[in-house]
Amino acid sequence: MQNKVLSIRQPYASLICYGIKKAENRTWKTDYRGKLLIHASGNNMSFFDTKSMPQKFLNTWYDYIEKDEWNCPDNAPENIKNAYKMAKDLWKFYGIAQDDSRPVTEWIKQAVKEHGYFFKSTAIIGEAELVDIIKDSKDEFAENGQYHWILEKPVLYEKPITNVLGRLRLWTFET
């Protein structure tokens, strides 16, 4: 079966598949609507740098994580709940215990040696539904002057399709 694919740099590809980022910024639009496979491009990453996150999202995240670092409150917004899930998946992937007191940079370096990279690239890592393209999304990740591709029903694949080179614009992948 042929599927439409969009290549997106890490960590944004993973943030979409976890349901944290719901608007993808592009300088162009398409008439296509429907299922999009999400291809992770760029470099493999052990952890994302907060420089890749919009300040509005970080402020909300810090508000919740300061209340309880390991447990997400029931009243948190959906994307924050999804961020907690991603953080817990990252800790589990690297085998990090909640009470690990080592500096983050220390355990990440060791964990990458033992387990590889959490945010993989050169792979189709999931999918989402492209439901609309607008210019005025309120998503924290939406950038002014860009088309905002609105993505719903994100899925992170348990087993990514690896060793897939990405392409510019929408492209087709045979599954």
C-alpha atoms as a PDB file:
ATOM      1  CA  MET A   1       0.000   0.000   0.000  1.00  0.00           C
ATOM      2  CA  GLN A   2       1.216   3.512  -0.793  1.00  0.00           C
ATOM      3  CA  ASN A   3       1.163   6.067   2.007  1.00  0.00           C
ATOM      4  CA  LYS A   4       1.886   9.789   2.054  1.00  0.00           C
ATOM      5  CA  VAL A   5       4.865  10.721   4.219  1.00  0.00           C
ATOM      6  CA  LEU A   6       6.126  13.968   5.715  1.00  0.00           C
ATOM      7  CA  SER A   7       9.751  14.226   6.850  1.00  0.00           C
ATOM      8  CA  ILE A   8      10.162  16.224  10.050  1.00  0.00           C
ATOM      9  CA  ARG A   9      13.333  16.859  12.030  1.00  0.00           C
ATOM     10  CA  GLN A  10      13.756  15.404  15.472  1.00  0.00           C
ATOM     11  CA  PRO A  11      12.608  16.113  18.149  1.00  0.00           C
ATOM     12  CA  TYR A  12       9.528  17.545  16.408  1.00  0.00           C
ATOM     13  CA  ALA A  13       8.654  14.253  14.689  1.00  0.00           C
ATOM     14  CA  SER A  14       8.474  12.509  18.068  1.00  0.00           C
ATOM     15  CA  LEU A  15       6.612  15.413  19.661  1.00  0.00           C
ATOM     16  CA  ILE A  16       3.943  15.044  16.951  1.00  0.00           C
ATOM     17  CA  CYS A  17       3.676  11.270  17.386  1.00  0.00           C
ATOM     18  CA  TYR A  18       3.278  11.702  21.150  1.00  0.00           C
ATOM     19  CA  GLY A  19       0.488  14.259  20.633  1.00  0.00           C
ATOM     20  CA  ILE A  20       2.459  17.119  22.175  1.00  0.00           C
ATOM     21  CA  LYS A  21       2.850  19.150  18.971  1.00  0.00           C
ATOM     22  CA  LYS A  22      -0.412  19.382  17.023  1.00  0.00           C
ATOM     23  CA  ALA A  23       0.569  21.915  14.356  1.00  0.00           C
ATOM     24  CA  GLU A  24       3.454  21.444  11.936  1.00  0.00           C
ATOM     25  CA  ASN A  25       4.826  24.628  10.356  1.00  0.00           C
ATOM     26  CA  ARG A  26       5.378  24.725   6.605  1.00  0.00           C
ATOM     27  CA  THR A  27       5.877  27.458   4.031  1.00  0.00           C
ATOM     28  CA  TRP A  28       3.624  25.593   1.608  1.00  0.00           C
ATOM     29  CA  LYS A  29       0.259  23.862   1.656  1.00  0.00           C
ATOM     30  CA  THR A  30      -1.330  20.867  -0.011  1.00  0.00           C
ATOM     31  CA  ASP A  31      -4.832  19.747  -0.893  1.00  0.00           C
ATOM     32  CA  TYR A  32      -4.094  16.320   0.616  1.00  0.00           C
ATOM     33  CA  ARG A  33      -5.968  15.356   3.789  1.00  0.00           C
ATOM     34  CA  GLY A  34      -5.731  12.029   5.537  1.00  0.00           C
ATOM     35  CA  LYS A  35      -3.191   9.700   7.074  1.00  0.00           C
ATOM     36  CA  LEU A  36       0.412  10.879   7.034  1.00  0.00           C
ATOM     37  CA  LEU A  37       3.321   8.699   7.988  1.00  0.00           C
ATOM     38  CA  ILE A  38       5.768  10.705  10.105  1.00  0.00           C
ATOM     39  CA  HIS A  39       9.381  10.333   9.021  1.00  0.00           C
ATOM     40  CA  ALA A  40      12.017  11.472  11.526  1.00  0.00           C
ATOM     41  CA  SER A  41      14.907  13.245   9.861  1.00  0.00           C
ATOM     42  CA  GLY A  42      17.939  15.058  11.202  1.00  0.00           C
ATOM     43  CA  ASN A  43      20.164  13.562  13.865  1.00  0.00           C
ATOM     44  CA  ASN A  44      19.422  10.867  16.407  1.00  0.00           C
ATOM     45  CA  MET A  45      18.894  12.464  19.803  1.00  0.00           C
ATOM     46  CA  SER A  46      19.187  11.154  23.331  1.00  0.00           C
ATOM     47  CA  PHE A  47      17.044  13.955  24.728  1.00  0.00           C
ATOM     48  CA  PHE A  48      15.625  17.134  23.249  1.00  0.00           C
ATOM     49  CA  ASP A  49      17.095  20.511  24.024  1.00  0.00           C
ATOM     50  CA  THR A  50      14.600  22.919  25.552  1.00  0.00           C
ATOM     51  CA  LYS A  51      15.691  25.437  22.894  1.00  0.00           C
ATOM     52  CA  SER A  52      13.527  23.422  20.497  1.00  0.00           C
ATOM     53  CA  MET A  53      10.439  24.013  22.628  1.00  0.00           C
ATOM     54  CA  PRO A  54       8.310  27.175  22.539  1.00  0.00           C
ATOM     55  CA  GLN A  55       8.436  29.221  25.731  1.00  0.00           C
ATOM     56  CA  LYS A  56       4.646  29.079  26.170  1.00  0.00           C
ATOM     57  CA  PHE A  57       4.790  25.263  26.279  1.00  0.00           C
ATOM     58  CA  LEU A  58       7.806  25.259  28.618  1.00  0.00           C
ATOM     59  CA  ASN A  59       6.110  27.638  31.048  1.00  0.00           C
ATOM     60  CA  THR A  60       3.076  25.329  31.273  1.00  0.00           C
ATOM     61  CA  TRP A  61       5.309  22.238  31.582  1.00  0.00           C
ATOM     62  CA  TYR A  62       7.370  23.780  34.382  1.00  0.00           C
ATOM     63  CA  ASP A  63       4.205  24.782  36.240  1.00  0.00           C
ATOM     64  CA  TYR A  64       3.052  21.163  36.300  1.00  0.00           C
ATOM     65  CA  ILE A  65       6.418  19.450  36.788  1.00  0.00           C
ATOM     66  CA  GLU A  66       7.179  21.665  39.806  1.00  0.00           C
ATOM     67  CA  LYS A  67       3.988  20.363  41.441  1.00  0.00           C
ATOM     68  CA  ASP A  68       5.026  16.731  41.011  1.00  0.00           C
ATOM     69  CA  GLU A  69       7.950  15.713  38.838  1.00  0.00           C
ATOM     70  CA  TRP A  70       6.745  12.133  38.257  1.00  0.00           C
ATOM     71  CA  ASN A  71       2.957  12.273  38.280  1.00  0.00           C
ATOM     72  CA  CYS A  72       0.810  14.320  35.959  1.00  0.00           C
ATOM     73  CA  PRO A  73      -2.257  15.919  37.554  1.00  0.00           C
ATOM     74  CA  ASP A  74      -5.648  14.920  36.136  1.00  0.00           C
ATOM     75  CA  ASN A  75      -6.452  18.552  35.313  1.00  0.00           C
ATOM     76  CA  ALA A  76      -3.377  19.052  33.081  1.00  0.00           C
ATOM     77  CA  PRO A  77      -3.900  19.913  29.410  1.00  0.00           C
ATOM     78  CA  GLU A  78      -3.722  16.973  26.995  1.00  0.00           C
ATOM     79  CA  ASN A  79      -0.348  17.947  25.526  1.00  0.00           C
ATOM     80  CA  ILE A  80       1.167  18.154  29.034  1.00  0.00           C
ATOM     81  CA  LYS A  81      -0.227  14.688  29.856  1.00  0.00           C
ATOM     82  CA  ASN A  82       1.384  13.462  26.643  1.00  0.00           C
ATOM     83  CA  ALA A  83       4.676  15.130  27.614  1.00  0.00           C
ATOM     84  CA  TYR A  84       4.612  13.265  30.938  1.00  0.00           C
ATOM     85  CA  LYS A  85       4.086  10.008  29.030  1.00  0.00           C
ATOM     86  CA  MET A  86       7.020  10.798  26.764  1.00  0.00           C
ATOM     87  CA  ALA A  87       9.247  11.630  29.750  1.00  0.00           C
ATOM     88  CA  LYS A  88       8.290   8.374  31.494  1.00  0.00           C
ATOM     89  CA  ASP A  89       8.919   6.413  28.275  1.00  0.00           C
ATOM     90  CA  LEU A  90      12.345   8.074  28.022  1.00  0.00           C
ATOM     91  CA  TRP A  91      13.256   7.167  31.610  1.00  0.00           C
ATOM     92  CA  LYS A  92      12.033   3.588  31.035  1.00  0.00           C
ATOM     93  CA  PHE A  93      13.929   3.294  27.721  1.00  0.00           C
ATOM     94  CA  TYR A  94      17.142   4.358  29.435  1.00  0.00           C
ATOM     95  CA  GLY A  95      16.484   2.352  32.607  1.00  0.00           C
ATOM     96  CA  ILE A  96      16.536   5.434  34.834  1.00  0.00           C
ATOM     97  CA  ALA A  97      14.942   5.102  38.268  1.00  0.00           C
ATOM     98  CA  GLN A  98      12.843   7.909  39.706  1.00  0.00           C
ATOM     99  CA  ASP A  99      15.268   8.246  42.597  1.00  0.00           C
ATOM    100  CA  ASP A 100      18.396   8.483  40.402  1.00  0.00           C
ATOM    101  CA  SER A 101      20.283  11.476  41.780  1.00  0.00           C
ATOM    102  CA  ARG A 102      23.081  11.647  39.191  1.00  0.00           C
ATOM    103  CA  PRO A 103      23.294  14.797  37.035  1.00  0.00           C
ATOM    104  CA  VAL A 104      21.176  14.412  33.881  1.00  0.00           C
ATOM    105  CA  THR A 105      24.153  14.799  31.520  1.00  0.00           C
ATOM    106  CA  GLU A 106      25.954  11.957  33.307  1.00  0.00           C
ATOM    107  CA  TRP A 107      23.175   9.376  33.058  1.00  0.00           C
ATOM    108  CA  ILE A 108      22.248  10.357  29.482  1.00  0.00           C
ATOM    109  CA  LYS A 109      25.820   9.758  28.252  1.00  0.00           C
ATOM    110  CA  GLN A 110      25.930   6.370  29.976  1.00  0.00           C
ATOM    111  CA  ALA A 111      22.423   5.415  28.852  1.00  0.00           C
ATOM    112  CA  VAL A 112      23.121   6.241  25.188  1.00  0.00           C
ATOM    113  CA  LYS A 113      26.180   3.959  25.297  1.00  0.00           C
ATOM    114  CA  GLU A 114      24.053   1.139  26.700  1.00  0.00           C
ATOM    115  CA  HIS A 115      20.693   1.633  24.944  1.00  0.00           C
ATOM    116  CA  GLY A 116      21.157   3.868  21.885  1.00  0.00           C
ATOM    117  CA  TYR A 117      19.120   6.951  21.081  1.00  0.00           C
ATOM    118  CA  PHE A 118      15.558   7.543  22.262  1.00  0.00           C
ATOM    119  CA  PHE A 119      14.676   9.953  19.427  1.00  0.00           C
ATOM    120  CA  LYS A 120      15.627   7.967  16.350  1.00  0.00           C
ATOM    121  CA  SER A 121      15.977   9.467  12.904  1.00  0.00           C
ATOM    122  CA  THR A 122      16.133   8.109   9.371  1.00  0.00           C
ATOM    123  CA  ALA A 123      12.986   6.186  10.246  1.00  0.00           C
ATOM    124  CA  ILE A 124       9.224   6.313   9.917  1.00  0.00           C
ATOM    125  CA  ILE A 125       8.320   6.534  13.591  1.00  0.00           C
ATOM    126  CA  GLY A 126       4.545   6.965  13.516  1.00  0.00           C
ATOM    127  CA  GLU A 127       1.567   8.542  11.861  1.00  0.00           C
ATOM    128  CA  ALA A 128      -1.092  11.211  12.272  1.00  0.00           C
ATOM    129  CA  GLU A 129      -4.154  12.498  10.415  1.00  0.00           C
ATOM    130  CA  LEU A 130      -3.701  15.724   8.475  1.00  0.00           C
ATOM    131  CA  VAL A 131      -7.139  17.305   9.008  1.00  0.00           C
ATOM    132  CA  ASP A 132      -6.605  20.918   7.947  1.00  0.00           C
ATOM    133  CA  ILE A 133      -4.087  23.563   6.942  1.00  0.00           C
ATOM    134  CA  ILE A 134      -4.628  27.028   8.407  1.00  0.00           C
ATOM    135  CA  LYS A 135      -2.620  30.174   9.124  1.00  0.00           C
ATOM    136  CA  ASP A 136      -3.951  31.031  12.602  1.00  0.00           C
ATOM    137  CA  SER A 137      -3.432  27.984  14.820  1.00  0.00           C
ATOM    138  CA  LYS A 138      -3.282  28.623  18.565  1.00  0.00           C
ATOM    139  CA  ASP A 139      -0.957  25.648  19.100  1.00  0.00           C
ATOM    140  CA  GLU A 140       2.120  26.638  21.119  1.00  0.00           C
ATOM    141  CA  PHE A 141       4.328  25.360  18.297  1.00  0.00           C
ATOM    142  CA  ALA A 142       2.602  27.364  15.521  1.00  0.00           C
ATOM    143  CA  GLU A 143       4.865  30.036  14.034  1.00  0.00           C
ATOM    144  CA  ASN A 144       3.603  33.321  12.589  1.00  0.00           C
ATOM    145  CA  GLY A 145       3.725  33.598   8.808  1.00  0.00           C
ATOM    146  CA  GLN A 146       3.644  29.822   8.275  1.00  0.00           C
ATOM    147  CA  TYR A 147       0.976  27.382   7.183  1.00  0.00           C
ATOM    148  CA  HIS A 148      -0.069  25.272  10.180  1.00  0.00           C
ATOM    149  CA  TRP A 149      -0.707  21.665   9.276  1.00  0.00           C
ATOM    150  CA  ILE A 150      -3.213  20.492  11.889  1.00  0.00           C
ATOM    151  CA  LEU A 151      -2.509  16.907  12.946  1.00  0.00           C
ATOM    152  CA  GLU A 152      -4.814  14.655  14.950  1.00  0.00           C
ATOM    153  CA  LYS A 153      -4.900  11.015  16.077  1.00  0.00           C
ATOM    154  CA  PRO A 154      -1.134  10.689  16.539  1.00  0.00           C
ATOM    155  CA  VAL A 155       0.395   7.235  16.811  1.00  0.00           C
ATOM    156  CA  LEU A 156       3.955   6.422  17.820  1.00  0.00           C
ATOM    157  CA  TYR A 157       4.976   3.087  16.317  1.00  0.00           C
ATOM    158  CA  GLU A 158       6.276   0.529  18.770  1.00  0.00           C
ATOM    159  CA  LYS A 159       8.698  -0.608  16.057  1.00  0.00           C
ATOM    160  CA  PRO A 160       9.735   2.195  13.683  1.00  0.00           C
ATOM    161  CA  ILE A 161      10.468   1.475  10.037  1.00  0.00           C
ATOM    162  CA  THR A 162      14.210   2.096  10.079  1.00  0.00           C
ATOM    163  CA  ASN A 163      16.802   3.050   7.464  1.00  0.00           C
ATOM    164  CA  VAL A 164      14.408   5.205   5.469  1.00  0.00           C
ATOM    165  CA  LEU A 165      15.836   8.328   3.878  1.00  0.00           C
ATOM    166  CA  GLY A 166      13.521  11.314   3.913  1.00  0.00           C
ATOM    167  CA  ARG A 167      12.576  13.710   1.161  1.00  0.00           C
ATOM    168  CA  LEU A 168      11.345  17.250   0.809  1.00  0.00           C
ATOM    169  CA  ARG A 169       7.607  17.975   0.583  1.00  0.00           C
ATOM    170  CA  LEU A 170       5.055  15.133   0.687  1.00  0.00           C
ATOM    171  CA  TRP A 171       6.324  11.846  -0.654  1.00  0.00           C
ATOM    172  CA  THR A 172       5.072   8.296  -1.039  1.00  0.00           C
ATOM    173  CA  PHE A 173       6.263   5.205   0.812  1.00  0.00           C
ATOM    174  CA  GLU A 174       5.265   1.654  -0.068  1.00  0.00           C
ATOM    175  CA  THR A 175       4.360  -0.490   2.964  1.00  0.00           C
END
